[in-house]
Structure formats: structure tokens, C-alpha cells
């Protein structure tokens, strides 16, 4: 059974972005997958990594976040919240980030999830490789997100710039960095400017995207020696 983890980052349950999350959950379950949804706002997830991530710290006199993450992986001193998120990530075959594009990147709550969960010693470092030697080879990941600006605002001639460049720190610097195979994103441009009928068509377009998921050519994929 396919195992899908959706990390959802939108504060409004009735938003179109939340409808995309619901559509993915329904579609995957209908097709026999097991789905877990982590709703970061509903869970009141803190994006701030720090001493609060640990039951105890190795060095009480000087705090170095990465070193404490590495130590926590070895000693089992992460707090329960972080352990639960790591367990979800280890469990899944496919990871989906579902979010609105804010200031050309992830909402802070979702970026904070990466900071705290993709910990040194767990996702990289401590003898674990990166990129083609990343520890999470075999897992797939993709982005599903909405934009405020219309599609014409993105690209080589758009003032907002090329989306491949905007998404590079996420798709390459997070997903591929830890060894995941990265599939092309699903992007819904400016849903706030669309009618109810157009939004329904967008959800149908997302279902078609999910149906064709296995046939998409990865953007980044580990190359095995």
C-alpha cells in the first residue's frame, strides 16, 4: 500500500489551498493509498527551532543547533513532537508540501517544519550522505501550491521571475538534498481571481495531475552508481 504524507500549511480550512489538500487526500485514499495529513496551523506547530526541540542539551554552556540535533539523534533526546514528525516522514513513500506561495517561498510555519524535522543526524550528516547519496533515496516528493499572482507574472518575461528559480531552494535544497526524487509541482495560479466554476476545473486538473503522477519525469533524482 502506498503511503502518502501531506504537510499542509494554510491557516484557513475553507481556502482553495485547503481544498487542494482535501482533493489529494480523497484521491489517494480512493486509489488504495494510506494518507496522513499534518495540518501545521491546526496543530499549532511552532516554526522556531531551538533549545525547545530537546529534552536536554549536550552543551548547556553554548548552544549550537546542528550539533544538538546530531546529539539528540544519538541519545534520543528530541521532544515527542519532533519524534512524531520524523516518524511520519520515515513512514511515507511520497511527501507532499501543500501551501500558498508567500514572499517567493514557503510560509514560515512550513519552513520551520523543515528546519526542525530535517535535522542533522536524521536527514543528513552524522555519516549520512546528501543528494545522490542521500539517506531518503526511494522516497518521492512534490509541491502543490497556490500563488497570488497570475501565471503571466512568472517566467522569463514576468516580473515575478522564473518559478524553477524560485522553487530551487525547496526542490533542490530540501527534497533532493536528502536524496528524494523530486516530481514536477502542481501550481494553481491566482485562485482568488477565479470563479467557482473555474476553481472546480482547477480541482479536476489536480486530479488529472495525480492520475498521471507515476508518468511524470522527475526534476531531480538520485543517480545510483
C-alpha atoms as a PDB file:
ATOM      1  CA  UNK A   1       0.000   0.000   0.000  1.00  0.00           C
ATOM      2  CA  UNK A   2       1.309   3.406  -0.986  1.00  0.00           C
ATOM      3  CA  UNK A   3       1.925   5.743   1.963  1.00  0.00           C
ATOM      4  CA  UNK A   4       1.329   9.454   1.421  1.00  0.00           C
ATOM      5  CA  UNK A   5       2.278  12.252   3.824  1.00  0.00           C
ATOM      6  CA  UNK A   6       0.756  15.686   3.200  1.00  0.00           C
ATOM      7  CA  UNK A   7       2.245  18.587   5.136  1.00  0.00           C
ATOM      8  CA  UNK A   8      -0.421  21.272   4.902  1.00  0.00           C
ATOM      9  CA  UNK A   9       0.345  24.922   5.644  1.00  0.00           C
ATOM     10  CA  UNK A  10      -2.658  27.215   5.276  1.00  0.00           C
ATOM     11  CA  UNK A  11      -4.413  28.929   8.183  1.00  0.00           C
ATOM     12  CA  UNK A  12      -7.910  28.845   6.614  1.00  0.00           C
ATOM     13  CA  UNK A  13      -9.681  25.460   6.374  1.00  0.00           C
ATOM     14  CA  UNK A  14     -12.090  26.827   3.737  1.00  0.00           C
ATOM     15  CA  UNK A  15      -9.358  28.178   1.458  1.00  0.00           C
ATOM     16  CA  UNK A  16      -8.803  26.832  -2.036  1.00  0.00           C
ATOM     17  CA  UNK A  17      -5.360  25.702  -0.911  1.00  0.00           C
ATOM     18  CA  UNK A  18      -7.083  23.552   1.719  1.00  0.00           C
ATOM     19  CA  UNK A  19      -9.391  22.216  -0.987  1.00  0.00           C
ATOM     20  CA  UNK A  20      -6.318  21.015  -2.877  1.00  0.00           C
ATOM     21  CA  UNK A  21      -5.186  19.177   0.248  1.00  0.00           C
ATOM     22  CA  UNK A  22      -8.616  17.585   0.634  1.00  0.00           C
ATOM     23  CA  UNK A  23      -8.656  16.613  -3.041  1.00  0.00           C
ATOM     24  CA  UNK A  24      -5.294  14.847  -2.760  1.00  0.00           C
ATOM     25  CA  UNK A  25      -6.332  13.006   0.403  1.00  0.00           C
ATOM     26  CA  UNK A  26      -9.590  11.810  -1.182  1.00  0.00           C
ATOM     27  CA  UNK A  27      -7.936  10.831  -4.465  1.00  0.00           C
ATOM     28  CA  UNK A  28      -5.120   8.828  -2.895  1.00  0.00           C
ATOM     29  CA  UNK A  29      -7.429   7.048  -0.455  1.00  0.00           C
ATOM     30  CA  UNK A  30      -9.873   6.205  -3.244  1.00  0.00           C
ATOM     31  CA  UNK A  31      -6.950   4.660  -5.126  1.00  0.00           C
ATOM     32  CA  UNK A  32      -5.927   2.458  -2.212  1.00  0.00           C
ATOM     33  CA  UNK A  33      -3.223   4.537  -0.533  1.00  0.00           C
ATOM     34  CA  UNK A  34      -2.847   5.278   3.152  1.00  0.00           C
ATOM     35  CA  UNK A  35      -2.735   9.026   3.780  1.00  0.00           C
ATOM     36  CA  UNK A  36      -1.556  11.040   6.751  1.00  0.00           C
ATOM     37  CA  UNK A  37      -2.201  14.789   6.831  1.00  0.00           C
ATOM     38  CA  UNK A  38      -0.198  17.049   9.122  1.00  0.00           C
ATOM     39  CA  UNK A  39      -2.090  20.349   9.373  1.00  0.00           C
ATOM     40  CA  UNK A  40       0.550  22.655  10.783  1.00  0.00           C
ATOM     41  CA  UNK A  41      -1.772  25.528  11.702  1.00  0.00           C
ATOM     42  CA  UNK A  42      -4.384  23.253  13.230  1.00  0.00           C
ATOM     43  CA  UNK A  43      -1.623  21.578  15.247  1.00  0.00           C
ATOM     44  CA  UNK A  44      -0.246  24.959  16.337  1.00  0.00           C
ATOM     45  CA  UNK A  45       3.176  23.830  15.134  1.00  0.00           C
ATOM     46  CA  UNK A  46       5.969  26.188  16.137  1.00  0.00           C
ATOM     47  CA  UNK A  47       8.355  27.058  13.283  1.00  0.00           C
ATOM     48  CA  UNK A  48      11.071  28.148  15.696  1.00  0.00           C
ATOM     49  CA  UNK A  49      13.871  25.648  16.141  1.00  0.00           C
ATOM     50  CA  UNK A  50      15.975  25.918  19.267  1.00  0.00           C
ATOM     51  CA  UNK A  51      16.553  24.513  22.725  1.00  0.00           C
ATOM     52  CA  UNK A  52      12.855  23.703  22.942  1.00  0.00           C
ATOM     53  CA  UNK A  53      13.419  20.848  20.458  1.00  0.00           C
ATOM     54  CA  UNK A  54      15.309  18.831  23.054  1.00  0.00           C
ATOM     55  CA  UNK A  55      14.576  17.206  26.391  1.00  0.00           C
ATOM     56  CA  UNK A  56      18.132  18.102  27.352  1.00  0.00           C
ATOM     57  CA  UNK A  57      21.127  19.609  25.592  1.00  0.00           C
ATOM     58  CA  UNK A  58      24.617  18.190  25.309  1.00  0.00           C
ATOM     59  CA  UNK A  59      26.342  21.516  25.912  1.00  0.00           C
ATOM     60  CA  UNK A  60      24.500  23.742  28.421  1.00  0.00           C
ATOM     61  CA  UNK A  61      27.095  26.494  28.068  1.00  0.00           C
ATOM     62  CA  UNK A  62      26.988  27.103  24.291  1.00  0.00           C
ATOM     63  CA  UNK A  63      24.031  26.235  22.090  1.00  0.00           C
ATOM     64  CA  UNK A  64      24.756  25.052  18.541  1.00  0.00           C
ATOM     65  CA  UNK A  65      21.576  23.839  16.882  1.00  0.00           C
ATOM     66  CA  UNK A  66      23.020  21.352  14.392  1.00  0.00           C
ATOM     67  CA  UNK A  67      25.335  19.802  16.970  1.00  0.00           C
ATOM     68  CA  UNK A  68      22.451  19.379  19.399  1.00  0.00           C
ATOM     69  CA  UNK A  69      20.346  17.787  16.651  1.00  0.00           C
ATOM     70  CA  UNK A  70      23.141  15.333  15.947  1.00  0.00           C
ATOM     71  CA  UNK A  71      23.496  14.578  19.637  1.00  0.00           C
ATOM     72  CA  UNK A  72      19.732  14.135  20.020  1.00  0.00           C
ATOM     73  CA  UNK A  73      19.689  11.585  17.197  1.00  0.00           C
ATOM     74  CA  UNK A  74      22.322   9.588  19.035  1.00  0.00           C
ATOM     75  CA  UNK A  75      20.849   9.912  22.527  1.00  0.00           C
ATOM     76  CA  UNK A  76      17.121  10.015  21.735  1.00  0.00           C
ATOM     77  CA  UNK A  77      16.624  13.402  23.357  1.00  0.00           C
ATOM     78  CA  UNK A  78      14.261  15.056  20.851  1.00  0.00           C
ATOM     79  CA  UNK A  79      10.914  16.083  22.294  1.00  0.00           C
ATOM     80  CA  UNK A  80       7.882  13.945  21.402  1.00  0.00           C
ATOM     81  CA  UNK A  81       6.588  16.439  18.820  1.00  0.00           C
ATOM     82  CA  UNK A  82       9.770  16.197  16.740  1.00  0.00           C
ATOM     83  CA  UNK A  83       9.943  12.422  17.113  1.00  0.00           C
ATOM     84  CA  UNK A  84       6.371  12.151  15.816  1.00  0.00           C
ATOM     85  CA  UNK A  85       7.110  14.301  12.758  1.00  0.00           C
ATOM     86  CA  UNK A  86      10.264  12.336  11.995  1.00  0.00           C
ATOM     87  CA  UNK A  87       8.314   9.089  12.291  1.00  0.00           C
ATOM     88  CA  UNK A  88       5.724  10.406   9.812  1.00  0.00           C
ATOM     89  CA  UNK A  89       8.459  11.327   7.375  1.00  0.00           C
ATOM     90  CA  UNK A  90      10.206   7.975   7.686  1.00  0.00           C
ATOM     91  CA  UNK A  91       6.858   6.214   7.214  1.00  0.00           C
ATOM     92  CA  UNK A  92       5.860   7.809   3.924  1.00  0.00           C
ATOM     93  CA  UNK A  93       6.688   6.826   0.357  1.00  0.00           C
ATOM     94  CA  UNK A  94       5.636  10.204  -1.032  1.00  0.00           C
ATOM     95  CA  UNK A  95       5.853  13.600   0.653  1.00  0.00           C
ATOM     96  CA  UNK A  96       3.631  16.486  -0.467  1.00  0.00           C
ATOM     97  CA  UNK A  97       4.054  20.079   0.659  1.00  0.00           C
ATOM     98  CA  UNK A  98       0.655  21.815   0.265  1.00  0.00           C
ATOM     99  CA  UNK A  99       0.837  25.580   0.774  1.00  0.00           C
ATOM    100  CA  UNK A 100       0.351  29.104  -0.581  1.00  0.00           C
ATOM    101  CA  UNK A 101       3.485  30.684  -2.030  1.00  0.00           C
ATOM    102  CA  UNK A 102       4.317  33.538   0.342  1.00  0.00           C
ATOM    103  CA  UNK A 103       7.064  36.026  -0.452  1.00  0.00           C
ATOM    104  CA  UNK A 104       8.515  33.698  -3.107  1.00  0.00           C
ATOM    105  CA  UNK A 105       8.921  30.811  -0.691  1.00  0.00           C
ATOM    106  CA  UNK A 106       7.388  28.575   1.929  1.00  0.00           C
ATOM    107  CA  UNK A 107       5.221  30.011   4.694  1.00  0.00           C
ATOM    108  CA  UNK A 108       7.319  30.339   7.854  1.00  0.00           C
ATOM    109  CA  UNK A 109       5.442  27.529   9.587  1.00  0.00           C
ATOM    110  CA  UNK A 110       6.371  25.103   6.794  1.00  0.00           C
ATOM    111  CA  UNK A 111       9.979  26.287   6.533  1.00  0.00           C
ATOM    112  CA  UNK A 112      10.188  25.780  10.285  1.00  0.00           C
ATOM    113  CA  UNK A 113       8.939  22.219   9.876  1.00  0.00           C
ATOM    114  CA  UNK A 114      11.916  21.581   7.585  1.00  0.00           C
ATOM    115  CA  UNK A 115      14.328  23.284   9.979  1.00  0.00           C
ATOM    116  CA  UNK A 116      13.176  21.158  12.907  1.00  0.00           C
ATOM    117  CA  UNK A 117      12.414  17.815  11.218  1.00  0.00           C
ATOM    118  CA  UNK A 118      15.147  17.582   8.563  1.00  0.00           C
ATOM    119  CA  UNK A 119      17.573  17.516  11.449  1.00  0.00           C
ATOM    120  CA  UNK A 120      21.290  16.912  11.271  1.00  0.00           C
ATOM    121  CA  UNK A 121      21.935  13.278  12.085  1.00  0.00           C
ATOM    122  CA  UNK A 122      18.457  12.330  10.900  1.00  0.00           C
ATOM    123  CA  UNK A 123      18.192  13.662   7.348  1.00  0.00           C
ATOM    124  CA  UNK A 124      21.868  14.382   6.673  1.00  0.00           C
ATOM    125  CA  UNK A 125      25.201  14.488   8.476  1.00  0.00           C
ATOM    126  CA  UNK A 126      26.388  12.104  11.130  1.00  0.00           C
ATOM    127  CA  UNK A 127      27.630   9.717   8.461  1.00  0.00           C
ATOM    128  CA  UNK A 128      24.585  10.184   6.223  1.00  0.00           C
ATOM    129  CA  UNK A 129      25.134  11.388   2.662  1.00  0.00           C
ATOM    130  CA  UNK A 130      23.429  14.080   0.625  1.00  0.00           C
ATOM    131  CA  UNK A 131      21.980  14.378  -2.894  1.00  0.00           C
ATOM    132  CA  UNK A 132      22.730  11.163  -4.822  1.00  0.00           C
ATOM    133  CA  UNK A 133      23.903   9.547  -1.592  1.00  0.00           C
ATOM    134  CA  UNK A 134      21.062  10.955   0.486  1.00  0.00           C
ATOM    135  CA  UNK A 135      19.518   8.762   3.141  1.00  0.00           C
ATOM    136  CA  UNK A 136      15.981   9.120   1.779  1.00  0.00           C
ATOM    137  CA  UNK A 137      16.541   7.626  -1.648  1.00  0.00           C
ATOM    138  CA  UNK A 138      13.417   5.798  -2.729  1.00  0.00           C
ATOM    139  CA  UNK A 139      11.063   8.476  -1.418  1.00  0.00           C
ATOM    140  CA  UNK A 140       9.305  10.874  -3.777  1.00  0.00           C
ATOM    141  CA  UNK A 141       8.277  14.454  -3.116  1.00  0.00           C
ATOM    142  CA  UNK A 142       6.397  17.220  -4.863  1.00  0.00           C
ATOM    143  CA  UNK A 143       4.903  20.635  -4.203  1.00  0.00           C
ATOM    144  CA  UNK A 144       1.251  21.591  -4.511  1.00  0.00           C
ATOM    145  CA  UNK A 145       0.742  25.300  -4.079  1.00  0.00           C
ATOM    146  CA  UNK A 146      -1.229  28.395  -4.947  1.00  0.00           C
ATOM    147  CA  UNK A 147       0.062  31.807  -5.984  1.00  0.00           C
ATOM    148  CA  UNK A 148      -1.259  35.292  -5.513  1.00  0.00           C
ATOM    149  CA  UNK A 149      -0.037  36.481  -8.900  1.00  0.00           C
ATOM    150  CA  UNK A 150      -1.335  35.259 -12.260  1.00  0.00           C
ATOM    151  CA  UNK A 151       0.622  32.850 -14.430  1.00  0.00           C
ATOM    152  CA  UNK A 152       1.771  35.638 -16.747  1.00  0.00           C
ATOM    153  CA  UNK A 153       3.695  37.187 -13.831  1.00  0.00           C
ATOM    154  CA  UNK A 154       6.049  34.201 -13.761  1.00  0.00           C
ATOM    155  CA  UNK A 155       8.601  33.160 -16.350  1.00  0.00           C
ATOM    156  CA  UNK A 156      11.456  34.804 -18.194  1.00  0.00           C
ATOM    157  CA  UNK A 157       9.342  37.820 -19.132  1.00  0.00           C
ATOM    158  CA  UNK A 158       7.276  38.034 -15.951  1.00  0.00           C
ATOM    159  CA  UNK A 159       8.202  40.452 -13.197  1.00  0.00           C
ATOM    160  CA  UNK A 160       7.969  37.754 -10.533  1.00  0.00           C
ATOM    161  CA  UNK A 161      10.659  35.703 -12.248  1.00  0.00           C
ATOM    162  CA  UNK A 162      11.048  32.105 -13.290  1.00  0.00           C
ATOM    163  CA  UNK A 163       9.355  29.591 -10.981  1.00  0.00           C
ATOM    164  CA  UNK A 164      12.095  26.995 -11.461  1.00  0.00           C
ATOM    165  CA  UNK A 165      14.485  29.505  -9.930  1.00  0.00           C
ATOM    166  CA  UNK A 166      12.069  30.482  -7.158  1.00  0.00           C
ATOM    167  CA  UNK A 167      11.461  26.833  -6.215  1.00  0.00           C
ATOM    168  CA  UNK A 168      15.093  25.716  -6.463  1.00  0.00           C
ATOM    169  CA  UNK A 169      15.876  26.173  -2.740  1.00  0.00           C
ATOM    170  CA  UNK A 170      12.917  23.917  -1.892  1.00  0.00           C
ATOM    171  CA  UNK A 171      13.012  21.279  -4.597  1.00  0.00           C
ATOM    172  CA  UNK A 172      16.800  21.002  -4.824  1.00  0.00           C
ATOM    173  CA  UNK A 173      17.951  22.385  -1.487  1.00  0.00           C
ATOM    174  CA  UNK A 174      15.486  20.442   0.695  1.00  0.00           C
ATOM    175  CA  UNK A 175      13.972  17.447  -1.123  1.00  0.00           C
ATOM    176  CA  UNK A 176      16.857  16.440  -3.368  1.00  0.00           C
ATOM    177  CA  UNK A 177      19.424  17.392  -0.721  1.00  0.00           C
ATOM    178  CA  UNK A 178      18.245  14.475   1.442  1.00  0.00           C
ATOM    179  CA  UNK A 179      18.123  12.075  -1.532  1.00  0.00           C
ATOM    180  CA  UNK A 180      14.484  12.267  -2.544  1.00  0.00           C
ATOM    181  CA  UNK A 181      13.190  12.014  -6.112  1.00  0.00           C
ATOM    182  CA  UNK A 182      11.508  15.316  -6.915  1.00  0.00           C
ATOM    183  CA  UNK A 183       8.493  15.390  -9.228  1.00  0.00           C
ATOM    184  CA  UNK A 184       7.238  18.486 -11.073  1.00  0.00           C
ATOM    185  CA  UNK A 185       4.961  20.669  -8.923  1.00  0.00           C
ATOM    186  CA  UNK A 186       1.262  21.297  -9.270  1.00  0.00           C
ATOM    187  CA  UNK A 187       0.658  25.040  -9.375  1.00  0.00           C
ATOM    188  CA  UNK A 188      -2.691  26.784  -9.160  1.00  0.00           C
ATOM    189  CA  UNK A 189      -2.173  30.361 -10.239  1.00  0.00           C
ATOM    190  CA  UNK A 190      -4.137  33.090  -8.502  1.00  0.00           C
ATOM    191  CA  UNK A 191      -7.229  31.147  -7.380  1.00  0.00           C
ATOM    192  CA  UNK A 192      -8.540  34.270  -5.669  1.00  0.00           C
ATOM    193  CA  UNK A 193      -9.226  35.708  -9.127  1.00  0.00           C
ATOM    194  CA  UNK A 194     -11.119  32.631 -10.366  1.00  0.00           C
ATOM    195  CA  UNK A 195     -14.854  31.946 -10.381  1.00  0.00           C
ATOM    196  CA  UNK A 196     -16.397  28.984  -8.565  1.00  0.00           C
ATOM    197  CA  UNK A 197     -16.656  27.147 -11.885  1.00  0.00           C
ATOM    198  CA  UNK A 198     -13.010  27.819 -12.677  1.00  0.00           C
ATOM    199  CA  UNK A 199     -11.974  26.594  -9.233  1.00  0.00           C
ATOM    200  CA  UNK A 200     -13.847  23.336  -9.784  1.00  0.00           C
ATOM    201  CA  UNK A 201     -11.957  22.908 -13.040  1.00  0.00           C
ATOM    202  CA  UNK A 202      -8.712  23.511 -11.142  1.00  0.00           C
ATOM    203  CA  UNK A 203      -9.549  20.680  -8.756  1.00  0.00           C
ATOM    204  CA  UNK A 204     -10.299  18.427 -11.729  1.00  0.00           C
ATOM    205  CA  UNK A 205      -6.955  19.440 -13.219  1.00  0.00           C
ATOM    206  CA  UNK A 206      -5.285  18.430  -9.956  1.00  0.00           C
ATOM    207  CA  UNK A 207      -6.988  15.029 -10.070  1.00  0.00           C
ATOM    208  CA  UNK A 208      -5.633  14.579 -13.598  1.00  0.00           C
ATOM    209  CA  UNK A 209      -2.161  15.547 -12.385  1.00  0.00           C
ATOM    210  CA  UNK A 210      -2.374  12.962  -9.590  1.00  0.00           C
ATOM    211  CA  UNK A 211      -3.609  10.328 -12.041  1.00  0.00           C
ATOM    212  CA  UNK A 212      -0.528  10.904 -14.197  1.00  0.00           C
ATOM    213  CA  UNK A 213       1.886  11.182 -11.275  1.00  0.00           C
ATOM    214  CA  UNK A 214       3.707   7.930 -11.993  1.00  0.00           C
ATOM    215  CA  UNK A 215       4.408   9.051 -15.556  1.00  0.00           C
ATOM    216  CA  UNK A 216       5.951  12.420 -14.703  1.00  0.00           C
ATOM    217  CA  UNK A 217       9.646  12.896 -15.405  1.00  0.00           C
ATOM    218  CA  UNK A 218      11.466  13.842 -12.183  1.00  0.00           C
ATOM    219  CA  UNK A 219      13.114  17.230 -11.900  1.00  0.00           C
ATOM    220  CA  UNK A 220      15.807  15.801  -9.646  1.00  0.00           C
ATOM    221  CA  UNK A 221      16.520  12.167  -8.944  1.00  0.00           C
ATOM    222  CA  UNK A 222      19.424  10.395  -7.213  1.00  0.00           C
ATOM    223  CA  UNK A 223      21.766   8.675  -9.639  1.00  0.00           C
ATOM    224  CA  UNK A 224      22.861   5.310  -8.306  1.00  0.00           C
ATOM    225  CA  UNK A 225      26.459   4.337  -9.010  1.00  0.00           C
END
